[in-house]
Amino acid sequence: MIHQEGQGWRLAWDGVRQPFSVLIGGSGWAVELTLAEAEALKAAVADLVAQHAALVDQLMAEEAIELELERGVWWLAVEGDREQWDLRVMLSPEGGQRAIEGSWRAPASAAFSRALQQLGGQP
């Protein structure tokens, strides 16, 4: 089992729990994901954070930016400036399954994103 958390974010993985082995959470909310949902979220977050990082040098100090990414069942957005950003996610699966929406404020968004990427071969 892996469990990480900080101010305003939480991430846990327990391979024994099926089908919802991954837990993500923010201030006042948490949701369990399947491994496939978590892996898709991990890849999408990495791509969106990389897009933001690629644009940082083009932004003036006081300039704000919002980037969105839609991939499969996930919709994500980062909104902020050169230094920090908020992260929003929405899961909209097909076929009457559950849907979720959550967000992390800066700096929890960056900390959650880093933790999600550190899970290596897990989600």
PDB file of N, CA and C in Angstrom:
ATOM      1  N   MET A   1       0.841  -1.186   0.000  1.00  0.00           N
ATOM      2  CA  MET A   1       0.000   0.000   0.000  1.00  0.00           C
ATOM      3  C   MET A   1       0.876   1.236   0.000  1.00  0.00           C
ATOM      4  N   ILE A   2       0.457   2.215  -0.754  1.00  0.00           N
ATOM      5  CA  ILE A   2       1.136   3.501  -0.815  1.00  0.00           C
ATOM      6  C   ILE A   2       0.150   4.561  -0.345  1.00  0.00           C
ATOM      7  N   HIS A   3       0.609   5.441   0.536  1.00  0.00           N
ATOM      8  CA  HIS A   3      -0.251   6.528   1.006  1.00  0.00           C
ATOM      9  C   HIS A   3       0.608   7.781   1.135  1.00  0.00           C
ATOM     10  N   GLN A   4       0.198   8.823   0.422  1.00  0.00           N
ATOM     11  CA  GLN A   4       0.881  10.105   0.508  1.00  0.00           C
ATOM     12  C   GLN A   4      -0.176  11.191   0.687  1.00  0.00           C
ATOM     13  N   GLU A   5       0.162  12.198   1.447  1.00  0.00           N
ATOM     14  CA  GLU A   5      -0.744  13.324   1.583  1.00  0.00           C
ATOM     15  C   GLU A   5       0.005  14.547   2.050  1.00  0.00           C
ATOM     16  N   GLY A   6      -0.618  15.680   1.824  1.00  0.00           N
ATOM     17  CA  GLY A   6      -0.068  16.959   2.237  1.00  0.00           C
ATOM     18  C   GLY A   6      -1.210  17.937   2.439  1.00  0.00           C
ATOM     19  N   GLN A   7      -0.866  19.181   2.626  1.00  0.00           N
ATOM     20  CA  GLN A   7      -1.876  20.213   2.840  1.00  0.00           C
ATOM     21  C   GLN A   7      -2.775  20.324   1.607  1.00  0.00           C
ATOM     22  N   GLY A   8      -4.027  19.872   1.725  1.00  0.00           N
ATOM     23  CA  GLY A   8      -4.999  20.014   0.652  1.00  0.00           C
ATOM     24  C   GLY A   8      -5.007  18.914  -0.397  1.00  0.00           C
ATOM     25  N   TRP A   9      -4.275  17.812  -0.177  1.00  0.00           N
ATOM     26  CA  TRP A   9      -4.292  16.719  -1.148  1.00  0.00           C
ATOM     27  C   TRP A   9      -4.009  15.385  -0.465  1.00  0.00           C
ATOM     28  N   ARG A  10      -4.448  14.312  -1.154  1.00  0.00           N
ATOM     29  CA  ARG A  10      -4.254  12.959  -0.641  1.00  0.00           C
ATOM     30  C   ARG A  10      -4.215  11.993  -1.818  1.00  0.00           C
ATOM     31  N   LEU A  11      -3.375  10.960  -1.728  1.00  0.00           N
ATOM     32  CA  LEU A  11      -3.252   9.946  -2.761  1.00  0.00           C
ATOM     33  C   LEU A  11      -2.903   8.621  -2.092  1.00  0.00           C
ATOM     34  N   ALA A  12      -3.665   7.580  -2.402  1.00  0.00           N
ATOM     35  CA  ALA A  12      -3.392   6.259  -1.827  1.00  0.00           C
ATOM     36  C   ALA A  12      -3.615   5.192  -2.891  1.00  0.00           C
ATOM     37  N   TRP A  13      -2.827   4.126  -2.813  1.00  0.00           N
ATOM     38  CA  TRP A  13      -2.974   2.990  -3.718  1.00  0.00           C
ATOM     39  C   TRP A  13      -2.867   1.711  -2.896  1.00  0.00           C
ATOM     40  N   ASP A  14      -3.833   0.834  -3.062  1.00  0.00           N
ATOM     41  CA  ASP A  14      -3.842  -0.457  -2.385  1.00  0.00           C
ATOM     42  C   ASP A  14      -4.302  -1.500  -3.400  1.00  0.00           C
ATOM     43  N   GLY A  15      -3.359  -2.263  -3.948  1.00  0.00           N
ATOM     44  CA  GLY A  15      -3.650  -3.238  -4.986  1.00  0.00           C
ATOM     45  C   GLY A  15      -4.594  -4.342  -4.568  1.00  0.00           C
ATOM     46  N   VAL A  16      -4.773  -4.548  -3.267  1.00  0.00           N
ATOM     47  CA  VAL A  16      -5.678  -5.584  -2.775  1.00  0.00           C
ATOM     48  C   VAL A  16      -7.138  -5.160  -2.970  1.00  0.00           C
ATOM     49  N   ARG A  17      -7.384  -3.869  -2.869  1.00  0.00           N
ATOM     50  CA  ARG A  17      -8.758  -3.354  -3.019  1.00  0.00           C
ATOM     51  C   ARG A  17      -9.129  -3.345  -4.496  1.00  0.00           C
ATOM     52  N   GLN A  18     -10.159  -4.041  -4.843  1.00  0.00           N
ATOM     53  CA  GLN A  18     -10.606  -4.104  -6.240  1.00  0.00           C
ATOM     54  C   GLN A  18     -12.110  -3.888  -6.297  1.00  0.00           C
ATOM     55  N   PRO A  19     -12.648  -3.221  -7.257  1.00  0.00           N
ATOM     56  CA  PRO A  19     -11.945  -2.676  -8.409  1.00  0.00           C
ATOM     57  C   PRO A  19     -11.388  -1.275  -8.177  1.00  0.00           C
ATOM     58  N   PHE A  20     -11.682  -0.662  -7.037  1.00  0.00           N
ATOM     59  CA  PHE A  20     -11.268   0.722  -6.788  1.00  0.00           C
ATOM     60  C   PHE A  20     -10.044   0.749  -5.877  1.00  0.00           C
ATOM     61  N   SER A  21      -8.869   0.634  -6.474  1.00  0.00           N
ATOM     62  CA  SER A  21      -7.636   0.493  -5.706  1.00  0.00           C
ATOM     63  C   SER A  21      -6.903   1.810  -5.458  1.00  0.00           C
ATOM     64  N   VAL A  22      -7.341   2.888  -6.075  1.00  0.00           N
ATOM     65  CA  VAL A  22      -6.652   4.173  -5.939  1.00  0.00           C
ATOM     66  C   VAL A  22      -7.610   5.201  -5.353  1.00  0.00           C
ATOM     67  N   LEU A  23      -7.127   5.965  -4.390  1.00  0.00           N
ATOM     68  CA  LEU A  23      -7.915   7.036  -3.793  1.00  0.00           C
ATOM     69  C   LEU A  23      -7.204   8.352  -4.057  1.00  0.00           C
ATOM     70  N   ILE A  24      -7.942   9.334  -4.568  1.00  0.00           N
ATOM     71  CA  ILE A  24      -7.420  10.688  -4.708  1.00  0.00           C
ATOM     72  C   ILE A  24      -8.336  11.611  -3.916  1.00  0.00           C
ATOM     73  N   GLY A  25      -7.776  12.696  -3.403  1.00  0.00           N
ATOM     74  CA  GLY A  25      -8.608  13.603  -2.633  1.00  0.00           C
ATOM     75  C   GLY A  25      -8.004  14.981  -2.534  1.00  0.00           C
ATOM     76  N   GLY A  26      -8.868  15.918  -2.212  1.00  0.00           N
ATOM     77  CA  GLY A  26      -8.477  17.301  -1.994  1.00  0.00           C
ATOM     78  C   GLY A  26      -9.087  17.785  -0.696  1.00  0.00           C
ATOM     79  N   SER A  27      -9.174  19.084  -0.541  1.00  0.00           N
ATOM     80  CA  SER A  27      -9.753  19.656   0.669  1.00  0.00           C
ATOM     81  C   SER A  27     -11.242  19.351   0.726  1.00  0.00           C
ATOM     82  N   GLY A  28     -11.635  18.488   1.636  1.00  0.00           N
ATOM     83  CA  GLY A  28     -13.039  18.182   1.851  1.00  0.00           C
ATOM     84  C   GLY A  28     -13.655  17.180   0.906  1.00  0.00           C
ATOM     85  N   TRP A  29     -12.865  16.481   0.096  1.00  0.00           N
ATOM     86  CA  TRP A  29     -13.426  15.483  -0.819  1.00  0.00           C
ATOM     87  C   TRP A  29     -12.394  14.390  -1.093  1.00  0.00           C
ATOM     88  N   ALA A  30     -12.893  13.224  -1.477  1.00  0.00           N
ATOM     89  CA  ALA A  30     -12.050  12.104  -1.898  1.00  0.00           C
ATOM     90  C   ALA A  30     -12.900  11.168  -2.745  1.00  0.00           C
ATOM     91  N   VAL A  31     -12.257  10.441  -3.639  1.00  0.00           N
ATOM     92  CA  VAL A  31     -12.947   9.492  -4.502  1.00  0.00           C
ATOM     93  C   VAL A  31     -12.003   8.334  -4.807  1.00  0.00           C
ATOM     94  N   GLU A  32     -12.587   7.162  -4.987  1.00  0.00           N
ATOM     95  CA  GLU A  32     -11.800   5.985  -5.355  1.00  0.00           C
ATOM     96  C   GLU A  32     -11.885   5.773  -6.858  1.00  0.00           C
ATOM     97  N   LEU A  33     -10.757   5.393  -7.453  1.00  0.00           N
ATOM     98  CA  LEU A  33     -10.657   5.153  -8.887  1.00  0.00           C
ATOM     99  C   LEU A  33     -10.217   3.717  -9.153  1.00  0.00           C
ATOM    100  N   THR A  34     -10.557   3.225 -10.331  1.00  0.00           N
ATOM    101  CA  THR A  34      -9.986   1.951 -10.765  1.00  0.00           C
ATOM    102  C   THR A  34      -8.544   2.202 -11.180  1.00  0.00           C
ATOM    103  N   LEU A  35      -7.776   1.142 -11.303  1.00  0.00           N
ATOM    104  CA  LEU A  35      -6.395   1.277 -11.732  1.00  0.00           C
ATOM    105  C   LEU A  35      -6.320   1.900 -13.123  1.00  0.00           C
ATOM    106  N   ALA A  36      -7.188   1.483 -14.033  1.00  0.00           N
ATOM    107  CA  ALA A  36      -7.192   2.043 -15.393  1.00  0.00           C
ATOM    108  C   ALA A  36      -7.512   3.533 -15.371  1.00  0.00           C
ATOM    109  N   GLU A  37      -8.479   3.951 -14.556  1.00  0.00           N
ATOM    110  CA  GLU A  37      -8.817   5.370 -14.450  1.00  0.00           C
ATOM    111  C   GLU A  37      -7.634   6.165 -13.901  1.00  0.00           C
ATOM    112  N   ALA A  38      -6.961   5.618 -12.893  1.00  0.00           N
ATOM    113  CA  ALA A  38      -5.821   6.291 -12.285  1.00  0.00           C
ATOM    114  C   ALA A  38      -4.655   6.402 -13.260  1.00  0.00           C
ATOM    115  N   GLU A  39      -4.399   5.352 -14.028  1.00  0.00           N
ATOM    116  CA  GLU A  39      -3.309   5.403 -15.007  1.00  0.00           C
ATOM    117  C   GLU A  39      -3.596   6.439 -16.087  1.00  0.00           C
ATOM    118  N   ALA A  40      -4.851   6.516 -16.537  1.00  0.00           N
ATOM    119  CA  ALA A  40      -5.223   7.516 -17.534  1.00  0.00           C
ATOM    120  C   ALA A  40      -5.093   8.922 -16.959  1.00  0.00           C
ATOM    121  N   LEU A  41      -5.483   9.105 -15.693  1.00  0.00           N
ATOM    122  CA  LEU A  41      -5.346  10.407 -15.040  1.00  0.00           C
ATOM    123  C   LEU A  41      -3.877  10.785 -14.912  1.00  0.00           C
ATOM    124  N   LYS A  42      -3.052   9.845 -14.510  1.00  0.00           N
ATOM    125  CA  LYS A  42      -1.617  10.093 -14.359  1.00  0.00           C
ATOM    126  C   LYS A  42      -1.013  10.592 -15.663  1.00  0.00           C
ATOM    127  N   ALA A  43      -1.315   9.936 -16.777  1.00  0.00           N
ATOM    128  CA  ALA A  43      -0.771  10.340 -18.078  1.00  0.00           C
ATOM    129  C   ALA A  43      -1.290  11.713 -18.499  1.00  0.00           C
ATOM    130  N   ALA A  44      -2.576  11.963 -18.290  1.00  0.00           N
ATOM    131  CA  ALA A  44      -3.164  13.242 -18.684  1.00  0.00           C
ATOM    132  C   ALA A  44      -2.604  14.389 -17.853  1.00  0.00           C
ATOM    133  N   VAL A  45      -2.452  14.180 -16.548  1.00  0.00           N
ATOM    134  CA  VAL A  45      -1.877  15.222 -15.681  1.00  0.00           C
ATOM    135  C   VAL A  45      -0.451  15.524 -16.115  1.00  0.00           C
ATOM    136  N   ALA A  46       0.339  14.487 -16.402  1.00  0.00           N
ATOM    137  CA  ALA A  46       1.723  14.698 -16.836  1.00  0.00           C
ATOM    138  C   ALA A  46       1.776  15.535 -18.108  1.00  0.00           C
ATOM    139  N   ASP A  47       0.906  15.239 -19.064  1.00  0.00           N
ATOM    140  CA  ASP A  47       0.891  15.988 -20.313  1.00  0.00           C
ATOM    141  C   ASP A  47       0.466  17.436 -20.104  1.00  0.00           C
ATOM    142  N   LEU A  48      -0.537  17.663 -19.273  1.00  0.00           N
ATOM    143  CA  LEU A  48      -1.015  19.019 -19.034  1.00  0.00           C
ATOM    144  C   LEU A  48       0.020  19.852 -18.281  1.00  0.00           C
ATOM    145  N   VAL A  49       0.668  19.270 -17.296  1.00  0.00           N
ATOM    146  CA  VAL A  49       1.711  19.974 -16.552  1.00  0.00           C
ATOM    147  C   VAL A  49       2.892  20.285 -17.479  1.00  0.00           C
ATOM    148  N   ALA A  50       3.226  19.373 -18.374  1.00  0.00           N
ATOM    149  CA  ALA A  50       4.301  19.618 -19.335  1.00  0.00           C
ATOM    150  C   ALA A  50       3.943  20.758 -20.290  1.00  0.00           C
ATOM    151  N   GLN A  51       2.684  20.837 -20.711  1.00  0.00           N
ATOM    152  CA  GLN A  51       2.242  21.939 -21.565  1.00  0.00           C
ATOM    153  C   GLN A  51       2.397  23.271 -20.844  1.00  0.00           C
ATOM    154  N   HIS A  52       2.018  23.297 -19.577  1.00  0.00           N
ATOM    155  CA  HIS A  52       2.166  24.520 -18.784  1.00  0.00           C
ATOM    156  C   HIS A  52       3.636  24.901 -18.671  1.00  0.00           C
ATOM    157  N   ALA A  53       4.476  23.940 -18.357  1.00  0.00           N
ATOM    158  CA  ALA A  53       5.912  24.208 -18.205  1.00  0.00           C
ATOM    159  C   ALA A  53       6.524  24.735 -19.500  1.00  0.00           C
ATOM    160  N   ALA A  54       6.058  24.245 -20.638  1.00  0.00           N
ATOM    161  CA  ALA A  54       6.580  24.687 -21.926  1.00  0.00           C
ATOM    162  C   ALA A  54       6.207  26.130 -22.231  1.00  0.00           C
ATOM    163  N   LEU A  55       5.123  26.620 -21.637  1.00  0.00           N
ATOM    164  CA  LEU A  55       4.661  27.983 -21.906  1.00  0.00           C
ATOM    165  C   LEU A  55       5.122  29.004 -20.879  1.00  0.00           C
ATOM    166  N   VAL A  56       5.677  28.562 -19.768  1.00  0.00           N
ATOM    167  CA  VAL A  56       6.029  29.457 -18.665  1.00  0.00           C
ATOM    168  C   VAL A  56       6.952  30.580 -19.117  1.00  0.00           C
ATOM    169  N   ASP A  57       7.953  30.280 -19.921  1.00  0.00           N
ATOM    170  CA  ASP A  57       8.907  31.308 -20.340  1.00  0.00           C
ATOM    171  C   ASP A  57       8.289  32.339 -21.278  1.00  0.00           C
ATOM    172  N   GLN A  58       7.129  32.040 -21.841  1.00  0.00           N
ATOM    173  CA  GLN A  58       6.456  32.972 -22.744  1.00  0.00           C
ATOM    174  C   GLN A  58       5.500  33.907 -22.001  1.00  0.00           C
ATOM    175  N   LEU A  59       5.275  33.638 -20.711  1.00  0.00           N
ATOM    176  CA  LEU A  59       4.340  34.453 -19.922  1.00  0.00           C
ATOM    177  C   LEU A  59       5.073  35.559 -19.177  1.00  0.00           C
ATOM    178  N   MET A  60       4.437  36.726 -19.115  1.00  0.00           N
ATOM    179  CA  MET A  60       4.961  37.796 -18.264  1.00  0.00           C
ATOM    180  C   MET A  60       4.580  37.464 -16.820  1.00  0.00           C
ATOM    181  N   ALA A  61       5.258  38.071 -15.881  1.00  0.00           N
ATOM    182  CA  ALA A  61       5.071  37.746 -14.464  1.00  0.00           C
ATOM    183  C   ALA A  61       3.624  37.867 -14.011  1.00  0.00           C
ATOM    184  N   GLU A  62       2.904  38.886 -14.486  1.00  0.00           N
ATOM    185  CA  GLU A  62       1.532  39.111 -14.039  1.00  0.00           C
ATOM    186  C   GLU A  62       0.491  38.440 -14.930  1.00  0.00           C
ATOM    187  N   GLU A  63       0.922  37.732 -15.958  1.00  0.00           N
ATOM    188  CA  GLU A  63       0.006  37.125 -16.915  1.00  0.00           C
ATOM    189  C   GLU A  63      -0.539  35.786 -16.411  1.00  0.00           C
ATOM    190  N   ALA A  64      -1.844  35.574 -16.609  1.00  0.00           N
ATOM    191  CA  ALA A  64      -2.497  34.329 -16.207  1.00  0.00           C
ATOM    192  C   ALA A  64      -2.730  33.464 -17.437  1.00  0.00           C
ATOM    193  N   ILE A  65      -2.866  32.159 -17.184  1.00  0.00           N
ATOM    194  CA  ILE A  65      -3.095  31.217 -18.273  1.00  0.00           C
ATOM    195  C   ILE A  65      -4.038  30.119 -17.797  1.00  0.00           C
ATOM    196  N   GLU A  66      -4.840  29.606 -18.721  1.00  0.00           N
ATOM    197  CA  GLU A  66      -5.666  28.438 -18.448  1.00  0.00           C
ATOM    198  C   GLU A  66      -5.490  27.472 -19.605  1.00  0.00           C
ATOM    199  N   LEU A  67      -5.181  26.236 -19.284  1.00  0.00           N
ATOM    200  CA  LEU A  67      -5.018  25.178 -20.274  1.00  0.00           C
ATOM    201  C   LEU A  67      -6.001  24.066 -19.960  1.00  0.00           C
ATOM    202  N   GLU A  68      -6.582  23.487 -20.990  1.00  0.00           N
ATOM    203  CA  GLU A  68      -7.508  22.374 -20.822  1.00  0.00           C
ATOM    204  C   GLU A  68      -7.033  21.196 -21.656  1.00  0.00           C
ATOM    205  N   LEU A  69      -7.380  19.997 -21.200  1.00  0.00           N
ATOM    206  CA  LEU A  69      -7.043  18.773 -21.914  1.00  0.00           C
ATOM    207  C   LEU A  69      -8.194  17.796 -21.736  1.00  0.00           C
ATOM    208  N   GLU A  70      -8.648  17.239 -22.827  1.00  0.00           N
ATOM    209  CA  GLU A  70      -9.669  16.205 -22.766  1.00  0.00           C
ATOM    210  C   GLU A  70      -9.074  14.949 -23.382  1.00  0.00           C
ATOM    211  N   ARG A  71      -9.083  13.867 -22.595  1.00  0.00           N
ATOM    212  CA  ARG A  71      -8.515  12.614 -23.059  1.00  0.00           C
ATOM    213  C   ARG A  71      -9.340  11.467 -22.499  1.00  0.00           C
ATOM    214  N   GLY A  72      -9.975  10.726 -23.406  1.00  0.00           N
ATOM    215  CA  GLY A  72     -10.796   9.604 -22.976  1.00  0.00           C
ATOM    216  C   GLY A  72     -11.902  10.064 -22.053  1.00  0.00           C
ATOM    217  N   VAL A  73     -11.971   9.467 -20.884  1.00  0.00           N
ATOM    218  CA  VAL A  73     -13.018   9.800 -19.916  1.00  0.00           C
ATOM    219  C   VAL A  73     -12.659  11.005 -19.034  1.00  0.00           C
ATOM    220  N   TRP A  74     -11.440  11.534 -19.187  1.00  0.00           N
ATOM    221  CA  TRP A  74     -10.974  12.619 -18.326  1.00  0.00           C
ATOM    222  C   TRP A  74     -10.991  13.961 -19.038  1.00  0.00           C
ATOM    223  N   TRP A  75     -11.384  15.005 -18.302  1.00  0.00           N
ATOM    224  CA  TRP A  75     -11.213  16.405 -18.691  1.00  0.00           C
ATOM    225  C   TRP A  75     -10.432  17.054 -17.561  1.00  0.00           C
ATOM    226  N   LEU A  76      -9.377  17.793 -17.913  1.00  0.00           N
ATOM    227  CA  LEU A  76      -8.530  18.441 -16.917  1.00  0.00           C
ATOM    228  C   LEU A  76      -8.281  19.883 -17.314  1.00  0.00           C
ATOM    229  N   ALA A  77      -7.988  20.707 -16.338  1.00  0.00           N
ATOM    230  CA  ALA A  77      -7.616  22.101 -16.596  1.00  0.00           C
ATOM    231  C   ALA A  77      -6.633  22.561 -15.533  1.00  0.00           C
ATOM    232  N   VAL A  78      -5.665  23.372 -15.961  1.00  0.00           N
ATOM    233  CA  VAL A  78      -4.805  24.102 -15.030  1.00  0.00           C
ATOM    234  C   VAL A  78      -5.061  25.582 -15.272  1.00  0.00           C
ATOM    235  N   GLU A  79      -5.115  26.324 -14.190  1.00  0.00           N
ATOM    236  CA  GLU A  79      -5.342  27.766 -14.275  1.00  0.00           C
ATOM    237  C   GLU A  79      -4.436  28.435 -13.259  1.00  0.00           C
ATOM    238  N   GLY A  80      -3.659  29.389 -13.727  1.00  0.00           N
ATOM    239  CA  GLY A  80      -2.758  30.081 -12.829  1.00  0.00           C
ATOM    240  C   GLY A  80      -1.820  31.003 -13.568  1.00  0.00           C
ATOM    241  N   ASP A  81      -0.607  31.084 -13.065  1.00  0.00           N
ATOM    242  CA  ASP A  81       0.393  31.954 -13.669  1.00  0.00           C
ATOM    243  C   ASP A  81       1.694  31.183 -13.834  1.00  0.00           C
ATOM    244  N   ARG A  82       2.775  31.912 -13.971  1.00  0.00           N
ATOM    245  CA  ARG A  82       4.087  31.267 -14.176  1.00  0.00           C
ATOM    246  C   ARG A  82       4.490  30.397 -12.981  1.00  0.00           C
ATOM    247  N   GLU A  83       4.158  30.826 -11.798  1.00  0.00           N
ATOM    248  CA  GLU A  83       4.660  30.205 -10.579  1.00  0.00           C
ATOM    249  C   GLU A  83       3.775  29.104 -10.014  1.00  0.00           C
ATOM    250  N   GLN A  84       2.460  29.275 -10.094  1.00  0.00           N
ATOM    251  CA  GLN A  84       1.564  28.310  -9.459  1.00  0.00           C
ATOM    252  C   GLN A  84       0.256  28.220 -10.216  1.00  0.00           C
ATOM    253  N   TRP A  85      -0.454  27.120  -9.989  1.00  0.00           N
ATOM    254  CA  TRP A  85      -1.693  26.874 -10.726  1.00  0.00           C
ATOM    255  C   TRP A  85      -2.592  25.946  -9.939  1.00  0.00           C
ATOM    256  N   ASP A  86      -3.887  26.071 -10.237  1.00  0.00           N
ATOM    257  CA  ASP A  86      -4.903  25.175  -9.692  1.00  0.00           C
ATOM    258  C   ASP A  86      -5.139  24.071 -10.718  1.00  0.00           C
ATOM    259  N   LEU A  87      -5.517  22.896 -10.247  1.00  0.00           N
ATOM    260  CA  LEU A  87      -5.809  21.760 -11.123  1.00  0.00           C
ATOM    261  C   LEU A  87      -7.253  21.323 -10.891  1.00  0.00           C
ATOM    262  N   ARG A  88      -8.009  21.182 -11.973  1.00  0.00           N
ATOM    263  CA  ARG A  88      -9.378  20.654 -11.907  1.00  0.00           C
ATOM    264  C   ARG A  88      -9.445  19.412 -12.769  1.00  0.00           C
ATOM    265  N   VAL A  89     -10.209  18.416 -12.296  1.00  0.00           N
ATOM    266  CA  VAL A  89     -10.392  17.182 -13.055  1.00  0.00           C
ATOM    267  C   VAL A  89     -11.859  16.785 -13.038  1.00  0.00           C
ATOM    268  N   MET A  90     -12.280  16.182 -14.145  1.00  0.00           N
ATOM    269  CA  MET A  90     -13.631  15.623 -14.234  1.00  0.00           C
ATOM    270  C   MET A  90     -13.526  14.267 -14.925  1.00  0.00           C
ATOM    271  N   LEU A  91     -14.189  13.272 -14.338  1.00  0.00           N
ATOM    272  CA  LEU A  91     -14.295  11.940 -14.920  1.00  0.00           C
ATOM    273  C   LEU A  91     -15.725  11.784 -15.412  1.00  0.00           C
ATOM    274  N   SER A  92     -15.884  11.518 -16.705  1.00  0.00           N
ATOM    275  CA  SER A  92     -17.205  11.351 -17.307  1.00  0.00           C
ATOM    276  C   SER A  92     -17.246  10.033 -18.071  1.00  0.00           C
ATOM    277  N   PRO A  93     -17.385   8.928 -17.377  1.00  0.00           N
ATOM    278  CA  PRO A  93     -17.388   7.632 -18.054  1.00  0.00           C
ATOM    279  C   PRO A  93     -18.694   7.396 -18.805  1.00  0.00           C
ATOM    280  N   GLU A  94     -18.670   6.401 -19.652  1.00  0.00           N
ATOM    281  CA  GLU A  94     -19.848   6.059 -20.441  1.00  0.00           C
ATOM    282  C   GLU A  94     -20.739   5.096 -19.671  1.00  0.00           C
ATOM    283  N   GLY A  95     -21.954   4.923 -20.162  1.00  0.00           N
ATOM    284  CA  GLY A  95     -22.820   3.848 -19.710  1.00  0.00           C
ATOM    285  C   GLY A  95     -23.376   3.948 -18.312  1.00  0.00           C
ATOM    286  N   GLY A  96     -23.694   5.136 -17.846  1.00  0.00           N
ATOM    287  CA  GLY A  96     -24.351   5.251 -16.561  1.00  0.00           C
ATOM    288  C   GLY A  96     -23.479   4.973 -15.347  1.00  0.00           C
ATOM    289  N   GLN A  97     -22.163   4.936 -15.506  1.00  0.00           N
ATOM    290  CA  GLN A  97     -21.276   4.753 -14.365  1.00  0.00           C
ATOM    291  C   GLN A  97     -21.121   6.075 -13.629  1.00  0.00           C
ATOM    292  N   ARG A  98     -20.459   6.047 -12.505  1.00  0.00           N
ATOM    293  CA  ARG A  98     -20.300   7.245 -11.698  1.00  0.00           C
ATOM    294  C   ARG A  98     -19.439   8.279 -12.417  1.00  0.00           C
ATOM    295  N   ALA A  99     -19.642   9.514 -12.083  1.00  0.00           N
ATOM    296  CA  ALA A  99     -18.835  10.617 -12.586  1.00  0.00           C
ATOM    297  C   ALA A  99     -18.304  11.384 -11.379  1.00  0.00           C
ATOM    298  N   ILE A 100     -17.159  12.024 -11.547  1.00  0.00           N
ATOM    299  CA  ILE A 100     -16.583  12.787 -10.441  1.00  0.00           C
ATOM    300  C   ILE A 100     -16.078  14.121 -10.949  1.00  0.00           C
ATOM    301  N   GLU A 101     -15.947  15.044 -10.024  1.00  0.00           N
ATOM    302  CA  GLU A 101     -15.314  16.322 -10.303  1.00  0.00           C
ATOM    303  C   GLU A 101     -14.557  16.717  -9.043  1.00  0.00           C
ATOM    304  N   GLY A 102     -13.324  17.159  -9.206  1.00  0.00           N
ATOM    305  CA  GLY A 102     -12.529  17.574  -8.065  1.00  0.00           C
ATOM    306  C   GLY A 102     -11.503  18.610  -8.470  1.00  0.00           C
ATOM    307  N   SER A 103     -10.925  19.263  -7.480  1.00  0.00           N
ATOM    308  CA  SER A 103      -9.908  20.269  -7.778  1.00  0.00           C
ATOM    309  C   SER A 103      -8.949  20.412  -6.604  1.00  0.00           C
ATOM    310  N   TRP A 104      -7.781  20.936  -6.923  1.00  0.00           N
ATOM    311  CA  TRP A 104      -6.753  21.242  -5.946  1.00  0.00           C
ATOM    312  C   TRP A 104      -6.301  22.669  -6.191  1.00  0.00           C
ATOM    313  N   ARG A 105      -6.172  23.435  -5.137  1.00  0.00           N
ATOM    314  CA  ARG A 105      -5.664  24.798  -5.217  1.00  0.00           C
ATOM    315  C   ARG A 105      -4.137  24.742  -5.173  1.00  0.00           C
ATOM    316  N   ALA A 106      -3.521  25.785  -5.688  1.00  0.00           N
ATOM    317  CA  ALA A 106      -2.070  25.901  -5.574  1.00  0.00           C
ATOM    318  C   ALA A 106      -1.740  26.128  -4.098  1.00  0.00           C
ATOM    319  N   PRO A 107      -0.697  25.555  -3.564  1.00  0.00           N
ATOM    320  CA  PRO A 107       0.308  24.689  -4.152  1.00  0.00           C
ATOM    321  C   PRO A 107      -0.017  23.193  -4.063  1.00  0.00           C
ATOM    322  N   ALA A 108      -1.184  22.860  -3.525  1.00  0.00           N
ATOM    323  CA  ALA A 108      -1.544  21.442  -3.415  1.00  0.00           C
ATOM    324  C   ALA A 108      -1.603  20.765  -4.782  1.00  0.00           C
ATOM    325  N   SER A 109      -1.988  21.510  -5.814  1.00  0.00           N
ATOM    326  CA  SER A 109      -2.096  20.931  -7.153  1.00  0.00           C
ATOM    327  C   SER A 109      -0.747  20.414  -7.649  1.00  0.00           C
ATOM    328  N   ALA A 110       0.294  21.181  -7.456  1.00  0.00           N
ATOM    329  CA  ALA A 110       1.623  20.747  -7.891  1.00  0.00           C
ATOM    330  C   ALA A 110       2.113  19.563  -7.059  1.00  0.00           C
ATOM    331  N   ALA A 111       1.865  19.592  -5.763  1.00  0.00           N
ATOM    332  CA  ALA A 111       2.291  18.493  -4.897  1.00  0.00           C
ATOM    333  C   ALA A 111       1.555  17.208  -5.254  1.00  0.00           C
ATOM    334  N   PHE A 112       0.246  17.289  -5.485  1.00  0.00           N
ATOM    335  CA  PHE A 112      -0.517  16.114  -5.887  1.00  0.00           C
ATOM    336  C   PHE A 112      -0.003  15.575  -7.224  1.00  0.00           C
ATOM    337  N   SER A 113       0.230  16.461  -8.171  1.00  0.00           N
ATOM    338  CA  SER A 113       0.706  16.047  -9.491  1.00  0.00           C
ATOM    339  C   SER A 113       2.039  15.318  -9.404  1.00  0.00           C
ATOM    340  N   ARG A 114       2.958  15.840  -8.596  1.00  0.00           N
ATOM    341  CA  ARG A 114       4.264  15.169  -8.412  1.00  0.00           C
ATOM    342  C   ARG A 114       4.090  13.805  -7.769  1.00  0.00           C
ATOM    343  N   ALA A 115       3.247  13.714  -6.749  1.00  0.00           N
ATOM    344  CA  ALA A 115       3.024  12.431  -6.071  1.00  0.00           C
ATOM    345  C   ALA A 115       2.416  11.411  -7.028  1.00  0.00           C
ATOM    346  N   LEU A 116       1.475  11.833  -7.835  1.00  0.00           N
ATOM    347  CA  LEU A 116       0.842  10.937  -8.797  1.00  0.00           C
ATOM    348  C   LEU A 116       1.878  10.373  -9.762  1.00  0.00           C
ATOM    349  N   GLN A 117       2.817  11.199 -10.216  1.00  0.00           N
ATOM    350  CA  GLN A 117       3.839  10.732 -11.146  1.00  0.00           C
ATOM    351  C   GLN A 117       4.856   9.814 -10.482  1.00  0.00           C
ATOM    352  N   GLN A 118       5.073   9.933  -9.199  1.00  0.00           N
ATOM    353  CA  GLN A 118       6.048   9.124  -8.473  1.00  0.00           C
ATOM    354  C   GLN A 118       5.580   7.712  -8.194  1.00  0.00           C
ATOM    355  N   LEU A 119       4.330   7.406  -8.490  1.00  0.00           N
ATOM    356  CA  LEU A 119       3.825   6.071  -8.210  1.00  0.00           C
ATOM    357  C   LEU A 119       4.416   5.019  -9.152  1.00  0.00           C
ATOM    358  N   GLY A 120       5.251   5.447 -10.084  1.00  0.00           N
ATOM    359  CA  GLY A 120       5.994   4.515 -10.932  1.00  0.00           C
ATOM    360  C   GLY A 120       5.103   3.562 -11.688  1.00  0.00           C
ATOM    361  N   GLY A 121       5.322   2.271 -11.531  1.00  0.00           N
ATOM    362  CA  GLY A 121       4.570   1.250 -12.260  1.00  0.00           C
ATOM    363  C   GLY A 121       3.163   1.082 -11.758  1.00  0.00           C
ATOM    364  N   GLN A 122       2.870   1.588 -10.561  1.00  0.00           N
ATOM    365  CA  GLN A 122       1.493   1.576 -10.079  1.00  0.00           C
ATOM    366  C   GLN A 122       0.722   2.603 -10.871  1.00  0.00           C
ATOM    367  N   PRO A 123      -0.417   3.070 -10.372  1.00  0.00           N
ATOM    368  CA  PRO A 123      -1.241   4.018 -11.112  1.00  0.00           C
ATOM    369  C   PRO A 123      -0.504   5.272 -11.486  1.00  0.00           C
TER     370      PRO A 123
END
